[in-house]
N, C-alpha and C. Protein backbone atom coordinates (compact mmCIF):
# COMPACT_ATOMS: atom_id res chain seq x y z
N UNK A 1 -19.74 17.79 42.17
CA UNK A 1 -19.68 17.93 43.60
C UNK A 1 -21.10 18.09 44.13
N UNK A 2 -21.40 17.40 45.22
CA UNK A 2 -22.71 17.48 45.85
C UNK A 2 -22.55 17.98 47.27
N UNK A 3 -23.57 18.69 47.75
CA UNK A 3 -23.56 19.22 49.11
C UNK A 3 -24.75 18.65 49.86
N UNK A 4 -24.49 18.10 51.02
CA UNK A 4 -25.54 17.56 51.87
C UNK A 4 -25.49 18.30 53.20
N UNK A 5 -26.63 18.85 53.62
CA UNK A 5 -26.74 19.49 54.94
C UNK A 5 -27.68 18.65 55.78
N UNK A 6 -27.27 18.36 56.99
CA UNK A 6 -28.12 17.54 57.87
C UNK A 6 -27.91 17.95 59.32
N UNK A 7 -28.97 17.88 60.08
CA UNK A 7 -28.90 18.06 61.53
C UNK A 7 -29.20 16.70 62.14
N UNK A 8 -28.22 16.16 62.83
CA UNK A 8 -28.38 14.82 63.40
C UNK A 8 -28.02 14.84 64.88
N UNK A 9 -28.54 13.89 65.59
CA UNK A 9 -28.22 13.75 67.00
C UNK A 9 -26.80 13.21 67.16
N UNK A 10 -26.19 13.57 68.26
CA UNK A 10 -24.81 13.17 68.52
C UNK A 10 -24.65 11.66 68.54
N UNK A 11 -25.63 10.94 69.08
CA UNK A 11 -25.51 9.49 69.18
C UNK A 11 -25.64 8.79 67.82
N UNK A 12 -26.15 9.49 66.81
CA UNK A 12 -26.28 8.92 65.46
C UNK A 12 -25.14 9.34 64.53
N UNK A 13 -24.23 10.18 65.01
CA UNK A 13 -23.17 10.73 64.17
C UNK A 13 -22.31 9.64 63.53
N UNK A 14 -21.86 8.68 64.31
CA UNK A 14 -20.98 7.64 63.76
C UNK A 14 -21.67 6.80 62.70
N UNK A 15 -22.95 6.51 62.90
CA UNK A 15 -23.70 5.75 61.89
C UNK A 15 -23.82 6.53 60.58
N UNK A 16 -24.12 7.81 60.69
CA UNK A 16 -24.27 8.65 59.50
C UNK A 16 -22.92 8.80 58.80
N UNK A 17 -21.88 9.02 59.57
CA UNK A 17 -20.55 9.17 58.98
C UNK A 17 -20.12 7.90 58.23
N UNK A 18 -20.38 6.76 58.84
CA UNK A 18 -20.04 5.48 58.21
C UNK A 18 -20.81 5.30 56.90
N UNK A 19 -22.11 5.62 56.92
CA UNK A 19 -22.94 5.47 55.72
C UNK A 19 -22.46 6.40 54.61
N UNK A 20 -22.12 7.65 54.95
CA UNK A 20 -21.63 8.58 53.94
C UNK A 20 -20.29 8.13 53.37
N UNK A 21 -19.42 7.61 54.23
CA UNK A 21 -18.12 7.13 53.77
C UNK A 21 -18.28 5.96 52.80
N UNK A 22 -19.23 5.07 53.08
CA UNK A 22 -19.48 3.92 52.20
C UNK A 22 -20.02 4.36 50.84
N UNK A 23 -20.72 5.50 50.80
CA UNK A 23 -21.27 6.03 49.54
C UNK A 23 -20.25 6.85 48.76
N UNK A 24 -19.07 7.08 49.35
CA UNK A 24 -18.02 7.80 48.64
C UNK A 24 -17.79 9.22 49.11
N UNK A 25 -18.50 9.67 50.15
CA UNK A 25 -18.30 11.01 50.70
C UNK A 25 -17.26 10.89 51.82
N UNK A 26 -16.02 11.28 51.50
CA UNK A 26 -14.94 11.10 52.46
C UNK A 26 -14.72 12.33 53.33
N UNK A 27 -14.98 13.52 52.82
CA UNK A 27 -14.77 14.75 53.58
C UNK A 27 -16.07 15.18 54.24
N UNK A 28 -15.97 15.60 55.51
CA UNK A 28 -17.16 15.99 56.24
C UNK A 28 -16.80 17.14 57.19
N UNK A 29 -17.68 18.10 57.31
CA UNK A 29 -17.52 19.21 58.24
C UNK A 29 -18.59 19.07 59.31
N UNK A 30 -18.18 19.16 60.57
CA UNK A 30 -19.10 18.97 61.70
C UNK A 30 -19.09 20.22 62.56
N UNK A 31 -20.28 20.68 62.92
CA UNK A 31 -20.43 21.80 63.84
C UNK A 31 -21.34 21.38 64.97
N UNK A 32 -20.98 21.74 66.18
CA UNK A 32 -21.82 21.42 67.33
C UNK A 32 -22.81 22.57 67.53
N UNK A 33 -24.09 22.23 67.62
CA UNK A 33 -25.15 23.22 67.75
C UNK A 33 -25.86 22.99 69.07
N UNK A 34 -26.11 24.07 69.79
CA UNK A 34 -26.84 23.97 71.05
C UNK A 34 -28.15 24.72 70.93
N UNK A 35 -29.13 24.31 71.73
CA UNK A 35 -30.41 25.00 71.75
C UNK A 35 -31.49 24.18 71.08
N UNK A 36 -32.72 24.54 71.38
CA UNK A 36 -33.86 23.81 70.83
C UNK A 36 -34.87 24.71 70.15
N UNK A 37 -34.63 25.98 70.07
CA UNK A 37 -35.60 26.88 69.46
C UNK A 37 -36.75 27.19 70.39
N UNK A 38 -37.85 27.60 69.84
CA UNK A 38 -39.02 27.94 70.64
C UNK A 38 -39.79 26.69 71.04
N UNK A 39 -40.31 26.71 72.24
CA UNK A 39 -41.15 25.61 72.71
C UNK A 39 -42.57 26.13 72.85
N UNK A 40 -43.45 25.64 72.04
CA UNK A 40 -44.83 26.10 72.06
C UNK A 40 -45.54 25.56 73.29
N UNK A 41 -46.37 26.39 73.88
CA UNK A 41 -47.13 26.00 75.05
C UNK A 41 -46.41 26.26 76.36
N UNK A 42 -45.19 26.74 76.31
CA UNK A 42 -44.44 27.06 77.52
C UNK A 42 -44.45 28.56 77.68
N UNK A 43 -44.99 29.01 78.80
CA UNK A 43 -45.06 30.45 79.05
C UNK A 43 -43.84 30.88 79.84
N UNK A 44 -43.29 32.02 79.47
CA UNK A 44 -42.18 32.60 80.20
C UNK A 44 -42.57 33.97 80.71
N UNK A 45 -41.76 34.53 81.57
CA UNK A 45 -42.04 35.87 82.09
C UNK A 45 -40.94 36.81 81.64
N UNK A 46 -41.36 37.95 81.11
CA UNK A 46 -40.43 38.98 80.68
C UNK A 46 -40.93 40.31 81.21
N UNK A 47 -40.22 40.86 82.13
CA UNK A 47 -40.59 42.14 82.77
C UNK A 47 -42.01 42.09 83.33
N UNK A 48 -42.28 41.02 84.07
CA UNK A 48 -43.54 40.82 84.78
C UNK A 48 -44.75 40.59 83.86
N UNK A 49 -44.54 40.37 82.60
CA UNK A 49 -45.65 40.05 81.67
C UNK A 49 -45.42 38.65 81.12
N UNK A 50 -46.52 37.96 80.87
CA UNK A 50 -46.41 36.64 80.28
C UNK A 50 -46.05 36.74 78.81
N UNK A 51 -45.19 35.85 78.38
CA UNK A 51 -44.71 35.87 77.01
C UNK A 51 -44.82 34.47 76.45
N UNK A 52 -45.38 34.32 75.27
CA UNK A 52 -45.49 33.01 74.61
C UNK A 52 -44.24 32.73 73.84
């Protein structure tokens, strides 16, 4: 048994699923993830102080 973890864009999901199915990986678990993490160079304000 092999385990593959990948983060892919929604528009590429069908292509990736098709490729995995052709390689013999029939079962797949999908989770929807939101957010982008930290953005460097963007300053925010937290309690009137600048925060990186």
